Protein backbone atom coordinates (compact mmCIF):
# COMPACT_ATOMS: atom_id res chain seq x y z
CA UNK A 1 2.36 -32.22 5.34
CA UNK A 2 3.09 -34.33 2.27
CA UNK A 3 6.12 -34.39 -0.02
CA UNK A 4 5.30 -33.89 -3.69
CA UNK A 5 6.62 -32.76 -7.04
CA UNK A 6 4.00 -30.62 -8.78
CA UNK A 7 3.06 -30.80 -12.44
CA UNK A 8 4.15 -27.61 -14.18
CA UNK A 9 1.47 -26.29 -16.54
CA UNK A 10 2.38 -23.39 -18.81
CA UNK A 11 -0.50 -21.68 -20.63
CA UNK A 12 0.85 -20.18 -23.85
CA UNK A 13 -0.88 -17.59 -26.04
CA UNK A 14 1.15 -15.66 -28.64
CA UNK A 15 4.23 -16.13 -26.49
CA UNK A 16 7.03 -15.27 -28.87
CA UNK A 17 10.21 -14.04 -27.17
CA UNK A 18 8.56 -14.08 -23.76
CA UNK A 19 7.80 -17.78 -24.19
CA UNK A 20 11.44 -18.39 -25.15
CA UNK A 21 12.47 -16.61 -21.94
CA UNK A 22 10.07 -18.81 -20.00
CA UNK A 23 11.48 -21.98 -21.54
CA UNK A 24 15.04 -20.90 -20.69
CA UNK A 25 14.06 -20.73 -17.01
CA UNK A 26 12.28 -24.10 -17.08
CA UNK A 27 15.36 -25.76 -18.58
CA UNK A 28 17.24 -24.87 -15.38
CA UNK A 29 14.66 -26.48 -13.10
CA UNK A 30 13.06 -29.50 -14.78
CA UNK A 31 14.03 -31.69 -11.80
CA UNK A 32 11.48 -29.96 -9.56
CA UNK A 33 8.46 -31.17 -11.56
CA UNK A 34 6.99 -34.64 -12.07
CA UNK A 35 5.83 -33.53 -15.52
CA UNK A 36 5.93 -30.32 -17.55
CA UNK A 37 2.92 -29.58 -19.76
CA UNK A 38 3.22 -26.82 -22.36
CA UNK A 39 -0.36 -26.01 -23.37
CA UNK A 40 -0.43 -23.94 -26.57
CA UNK A 41 -3.57 -22.18 -27.75
CA UNK A 42 -2.85 -21.59 -31.44
CA UNK A 43 -2.72 -23.25 -34.80
CA UNK A 44 -0.63 -26.46 -34.76
CA UNK A 45 2.03 -24.90 -37.02
CA UNK A 46 2.53 -21.72 -34.96
CA UNK A 47 6.00 -20.50 -33.93
CA UNK A 48 5.12 -21.21 -30.29
CA UNK A 49 4.39 -24.83 -31.18
CA UNK A 50 7.72 -25.10 -32.98
CA UNK A 51 9.54 -23.74 -29.92
CA UNK A 52 7.63 -26.06 -27.58
CA UNK A 53 8.33 -29.15 -29.69
CA UNK A 54 12.04 -28.32 -29.94
CA UNK A 55 12.13 -27.95 -26.16
CA UNK A 56 10.34 -31.28 -25.75
CA UNK A 57 12.98 -33.04 -27.83
CA UNK A 58 15.63 -32.10 -25.26
CA UNK A 59 13.70 -32.82 -22.05
CA UNK A 60 12.19 -36.21 -21.26
CA UNK A 61 9.46 -35.05 -18.85
CA UNK A 62 7.97 -32.41 -21.19
CA UNK A 63 4.58 -32.86 -22.88
CA UNK A 64 3.22 -30.50 -25.54
CA UNK A 65 -0.51 -30.12 -26.15
CA UNK A 66 -2.29 -27.76 -28.54
CA UNK A 67 -5.87 -26.53 -28.83
CA UNK A 68 -5.56 -26.25 -32.63
CA UNK A 69 -6.98 -22.72 -32.56
CA UNK A 70 -6.89 -19.73 -30.25
CA UNK A 71 -9.22 -19.99 -27.26
CA UNK A 72 -10.18 -17.53 -24.51
CA UNK A 73 -8.42 -18.08 -21.19
CA UNK A 74 -11.06 -20.12 -19.39
CA UNK A 75 -11.72 -22.36 -22.41
CA UNK A 76 -7.97 -22.91 -22.70
CA UNK A 77 -7.84 -23.81 -19.02
CA UNK A 78 -10.70 -26.28 -19.44
CA UNK A 79 -8.75 -27.83 -22.33
CA UNK A 80 -5.62 -28.65 -20.33
CA UNK A 81 -7.60 -29.65 -17.22
CA UNK A 82 -9.57 -32.18 -19.27
CA UNK A 83 -6.40 -33.42 -20.95
CA UNK A 84 -4.68 -34.04 -17.60
CA UNK A 85 -7.78 -35.71 -16.18
CA UNK A 86 -8.07 -38.03 -19.21
CA UNK A 87 -4.36 -38.87 -19.00
CA UNK A 88 -4.72 -40.18 -15.44
CA UNK A 89 -3.63 -37.24 -13.28
CA UNK A 90 -5.22 -37.67 -9.85
CA UNK A 91 -7.19 -34.88 -8.11
CA UNK A 92 -4.73 -35.03 -5.20
CA UNK A 93 -1.74 -34.15 -7.43
CA UNK A 94 -0.43 -30.59 -7.39
CA UNK A 95 -0.30 -28.06 -10.22
CA UNK A 96 2.31 -25.31 -10.51
CA UNK A 97 0.65 -22.80 -12.90
CA UNK A 98 2.76 -20.45 -15.00
CA UNK A 99 1.87 -17.77 -17.53
CA UNK A 100 3.99 -17.75 -20.67
CA UNK A 101 5.60 -14.36 -20.04
CA UNK A 102 6.84 -15.26 -16.54
CA UNK A 103 9.59 -17.57 -15.35
CA UNK A 104 10.12 -20.28 -12.80
CA UNK A 105 12.69 -19.36 -10.12
CA UNK A 106 14.99 -22.37 -9.58
CA UNK A 107 16.82 -20.61 -6.74
CA UNK A 108 13.63 -20.48 -4.69
CA UNK A 109 12.63 -24.02 -5.59
CA UNK A 110 16.05 -25.31 -4.52
CA UNK A 111 15.72 -23.56 -1.15
CA UNK A 112 12.24 -25.00 -0.51
CA UNK A 113 12.65 -28.61 -1.66
CA UNK A 114 14.18 -31.59 0.08
CA UNK A 115 16.94 -33.93 -1.14
CA UNK A 116 14.44 -35.56 -3.53
CA UNK A 117 13.56 -32.13 -5.04
CA UNK A 118 10.07 -32.35 -3.47
CA UNK A 119 8.04 -29.60 -1.81
CA UNK A 120 6.42 -30.23 1.57
CA UNK A 121 2.80 -29.14 1.22
CA UNK A 122 -0.32 -28.98 3.37
CA UNK A 123 -3.17 -30.82 1.54
CA UNK A 124 -5.68 -28.38 3.07
CA UNK A 125 -3.87 -25.30 1.77
CA UNK A 126 -3.05 -23.59 -1.53
CA UNK A 127 0.10 -21.56 -2.16
CA UNK A 128 0.44 -18.08 -3.67
CA UNK A 129 3.68 -16.14 -3.77
CA UNK A 130 5.71 -14.31 -2.82
CA UNK A 131 6.63 -13.23 -6.34
CA UNK A 132 10.05 -12.04 -7.47
CA UNK A 133 9.29 -8.96 -9.54
CA UNK A 134 10.84 -7.30 -12.54
CA UNK A 135 9.27 -4.28 -14.21
CA UNK A 136 8.77 -4.44 -17.96
CA UNK A 137 7.14 -2.25 -20.58
CA UNK A 138 4.25 -3.88 -22.49
CA UNK A 139 6.02 -3.70 -25.87
CA UNK A 140 9.66 -3.99 -24.79
CA UNK A 141 11.24 -7.17 -23.44
CA UNK A 142 13.14 -6.76 -20.15
CA UNK A 143 16.91 -6.45 -20.62
CA UNK A 144 18.85 -5.92 -17.43
CA UNK A 145 21.30 -7.40 -14.98
CA UNK A 146 20.04 -10.92 -14.37
CA UNK A 147 21.98 -11.12 -11.10
CA UNK A 148 20.58 -7.87 -9.65
CA UNK A 149 18.36 -8.10 -6.54
CA UNK A 150 14.61 -8.32 -7.20
CA UNK A 151 11.77 -7.11 -5.00
CA UNK A 152 9.46 -9.83 -3.71
CA UNK A 153 5.77 -8.92 -3.59
CA UNK A 154 3.07 -10.47 -1.44
CA UNK A 155 -0.71 -10.77 -1.24
CA UNK A 156 -0.48 -11.28 2.55
CA UNK A 157 -0.17 -8.62 5.28
CA UNK A 158 3.27 -7.02 5.04
CA UNK A 159 4.18 -7.74 8.65
CA UNK A 160 1.55 -10.36 9.34
CA UNK A 161 1.08 -14.11 8.97
CA UNK A 162 1.95 -15.99 5.79
CA UNK A 163 -0.95 -18.40 6.28
CA UNK A 164 -4.57 -17.25 6.46
CA UNK A 165 -8.02 -18.85 6.50
CA UNK A 166 -9.42 -18.89 2.97
CA UNK A 167 -12.19 -16.35 3.57
CA UNK A 168 -9.86 -13.98 5.45
CA UNK A 169 -7.44 -13.99 2.51
CA UNK A 170 -10.20 -13.42 -0.04
CA UNK A 171 -11.74 -10.66 2.06
CA UNK A 172 -8.41 -8.84 2.19
CA UNK A 173 -8.03 -9.01 -1.59
CA UNK A 174 -11.53 -7.68 -2.24
CA UNK A 175 -11.37 -4.95 0.42
CA UNK A 176 -7.95 -3.60 -0.52
CA UNK A 177 -6.58 -5.26 -3.65
CA UNK A 178 -2.99 -6.42 -3.40
CA UNK A 179 -0.69 -7.64 -6.14
CA UNK A 180 -1.70 -11.24 -6.78
CA UNK A 181 -0.81 -13.66 -9.56
CA UNK A 182 -1.63 -17.20 -10.62
CA UNK A 183 1.95 -17.56 -11.89
CA UNK A 184 3.92 -19.68 -9.45
CA UNK A 185 0.82 -20.81 -7.56
CA UNK A 186 0.83 -24.42 -6.31
CA UNK A 187 -2.69 -25.84 -5.97
CA UNK A 188 -4.27 -29.32 -5.91
CA UNK A 189 -5.58 -30.46 -9.28
CA UNK A 190 -8.96 -31.12 -7.63
CA UNK A 191 -9.53 -27.36 -7.36
CA UNK A 192 -9.15 -26.94 -11.13
CA UNK A 193 -11.54 -29.80 -11.85
CA UNK A 194 -14.16 -28.32 -9.52
CA UNK A 195 -13.91 -24.88 -11.09
CA UNK A 196 -14.24 -26.36 -14.59
CA UNK A 197 -17.36 -28.31 -13.58
CA UNK A 198 -19.02 -25.55 -11.56
CA UNK A 199 -22.23 -23.79 -12.55
CA UNK A 200 -22.74 -21.06 -13.49
CA UNK A 201 -19.71 -21.30 -15.74
CA UNK A 202 -16.81 -18.97 -15.07
CA UNK A 203 -16.45 -16.85 -18.22
CA UNK A 204 -13.29 -14.80 -17.73
CA UNK A 205 -9.91 -14.92 -15.97
CA UNK A 206 -10.43 -12.07 -13.49
CA UNK A 207 -10.67 -13.35 -9.89
CA UNK A 208 -9.27 -16.68 -11.09
CA UNK A 209 -6.80 -16.76 -8.19
CA UNK A 210 -9.56 -16.63 -5.60
CA UNK A 211 -11.92 -18.97 -7.45
CA UNK A 212 -9.18 -21.56 -7.96
CA UNK A 213 -8.16 -21.28 -4.30
CA UNK A 214 -11.70 -22.05 -3.11
CA UNK A 215 -11.69 -25.81 -3.64
CA UNK A 216 -13.95 -27.86 -1.40
CA UNK A 217 -11.03 -29.30 0.60
CA UNK A 218 -9.06 -26.05 0.89
CA UNK A 219 -9.29 -24.26 4.24
CA UNK A 220 -6.20 -22.00 4.20
CA UNK A 221 -4.02 -20.01 1.83
CA UNK A 222 -0.26 -20.02 2.38
CA UNK A 223 2.80 -18.20 1.14
CA UNK A 224 6.14 -19.89 0.54
CA UNK A 225 9.22 -18.69 2.42
CA UNK A 226 10.87 -18.03 -0.96
CA UNK A 227 9.50 -17.02 -4.38
CA UNK A 228 9.27 -19.84 -6.92
CA UNK A 229 8.51 -17.62 -9.92
CA UNK A 230 9.59 -14.34 -11.50
CA UNK A 231 6.77 -12.05 -12.58
CA UNK A 232 7.12 -9.31 -15.17
CA UNK A 233 4.90 -6.45 -13.99
CA UNK A 234 3.55 -3.56 -16.01
CA UNK A 235 3.57 -0.01 -14.69
CA UNK A 236 -0.09 0.52 -15.66
CA UNK A 237 -1.40 -2.50 -13.73
CA UNK A 238 -4.14 -1.57 -11.27
CA UNK A 239 -6.75 -4.26 -10.81
CA UNK A 240 -8.61 -2.13 -8.29
CA UNK A 241 -10.13 -0.27 -11.25
CA UNK A 242 -11.61 -3.22 -13.14
CA UNK A 243 -14.53 -2.56 -15.42
CA UNK A 244 -17.75 -4.38 -16.25
CA UNK A 245 -16.02 -7.70 -16.98
CA UNK A 246 -14.45 -7.79 -13.53
CA UNK A 247 -17.74 -7.03 -11.81
CA UNK A 248 -19.31 -9.96 -13.67
CA UNK A 249 -16.55 -12.20 -12.30
CA UNK A 250 -17.18 -10.81 -8.80
CA UNK A 251 -20.72 -12.13 -9.17
CA UNK A 252 -19.41 -15.53 -10.23
CA UNK A 253 -17.00 -15.60 -7.28
CA UNK A 254 -19.73 -14.86 -4.77
CA UNK A 255 -21.97 -17.58 -6.26
CA UNK A 256 -19.06 -20.02 -6.18
CA UNK A 257 -18.28 -19.22 -2.54
CA UNK A 258 -21.96 -19.48 -1.58
CA UNK A 259 -22.19 -23.01 -3.01
CA UNK A 260 -19.09 -23.89 -1.02
CA UNK A 261 -20.49 -22.38 2.19
CA UNK A 262 -23.76 -24.30 1.83
CA UNK A 263 -21.86 -27.55 2.30
CA UNK A 264 -19.77 -26.09 5.14
CA UNK A 265 -22.17 -24.48 7.65
CA UNK A 266 -19.27 -23.06 9.67
CA UNK A 267 -18.46 -20.75 6.72
CA UNK A 268 -21.95 -19.29 6.20
CA UNK A 269 -21.29 -16.42 8.61
CA UNK A 270 -17.96 -15.68 6.93
CA UNK A 271 -19.65 -15.70 3.54
CA UNK A 272 -22.35 -13.34 4.85
CA UNK A 273 -19.71 -10.91 6.10
CA UNK A 274 -17.96 -11.04 2.74
CA UNK A 275 -21.23 -10.44 0.89
CA UNK A 276 -22.02 -7.39 3.05
CA UNK A 277 -18.49 -6.06 2.50
CA UNK A 278 -18.83 -6.38 -1.29
CA UNK A 279 -22.35 -4.94 -1.36
CA UNK A 280 -21.27 -1.85 0.61
CA UNK A 281 -18.26 -1.37 -1.65
CA UNK A 282 -20.40 -1.51 -4.80
CA UNK A 283 -22.97 0.84 -3.20
CA UNK A 284 -20.30 3.42 -2.42
CA UNK A 285 -18.86 3.22 -5.92
CA UNK A 286 -22.22 3.52 -7.65
CA UNK A 287 -24.19 5.96 -5.51
CA UNK A 288 -21.65 7.91 -3.46
CA UNK A 289 -19.14 7.97 -6.33
CA UNK A 290 -16.38 6.83 -4.05
CA UNK A 291 -13.20 5.98 -5.96
CA UNK A 292 -11.99 2.41 -6.02
CA UNK A 293 -9.04 1.85 -3.67
CA UNK A 294 -5.62 1.98 -5.26
CA UNK A 295 -4.08 -1.44 -5.53
CA UNK A 296 -1.42 -2.12 -2.92
CA UNK A 297 1.90 -3.55 -4.06
CA UNK A 298 3.26 -4.93 -0.80
CA UNK A 299 6.99 -5.63 -0.78
CA UNK A 300 8.02 -8.68 1.26
CA UNK A 301 11.78 -8.32 0.70
CA UNK A 302 14.45 -8.90 -1.96
CA UNK A 303 16.10 -11.95 -3.55
CA UNK A 304 18.92 -12.60 -5.98
CA UNK A 305 20.78 -15.55 -7.44
């Protein structure tokens, strides 16, 4: 295990009030990050840029970068990855990734960090969840009791281990989709560089959690004992019923995992099992007209301030 402060990267696209909510949470936990990067995909004079620059003026470890125009998710990700790489961030440093409409959870970070506000992390692992969850309508900002208990959701077995081999975790997601988010993930920067440089190029954000987890040095996926982010879920979310775009990203994921397995002979059998699993699932959907499984939202517990 190593002690580290991650770099917080916030990807912002038409954030508005949700971005303001995000910034309010970051202001309460700046001490847990070595650097905070607000990456805005917009025109340089957008309202989100104004909010980000005002926030930067009041916090010494905040950096604001802007694409200058709106970019699709993966191009935006390539933008901030390249910026961090060019500014001297090392592949071994850790990234805490946050979507603009979510929040950091300082209570969880305080419980998990040591006296130096550092997390203790396994260099061979990546970290996803659990996620503190609030339910929000797509067009209405959440307004409720901020001190009320929140459910915590997991992408791991409800009563099982909170650390799994990489392929076992991916297989579980693809067999029976569970609620999974990039927000609040803590992952080595090397994984982001590898995904950016991979061929064929990843075109869309679906399956990004699994692709980003599958760095060449990553062998396991872990869950923190406490949530470090608050996610705002939508009642109509069901990623088990993805369309054509998601299936294209499934193809990219399998190609990405195959390239990984070729350099790790011990994983070729695991990859083969995963490929058979996916092929049978697609066969049943296409020819037997079997419905896609309903996404599982597994509740780990509850937290509150």
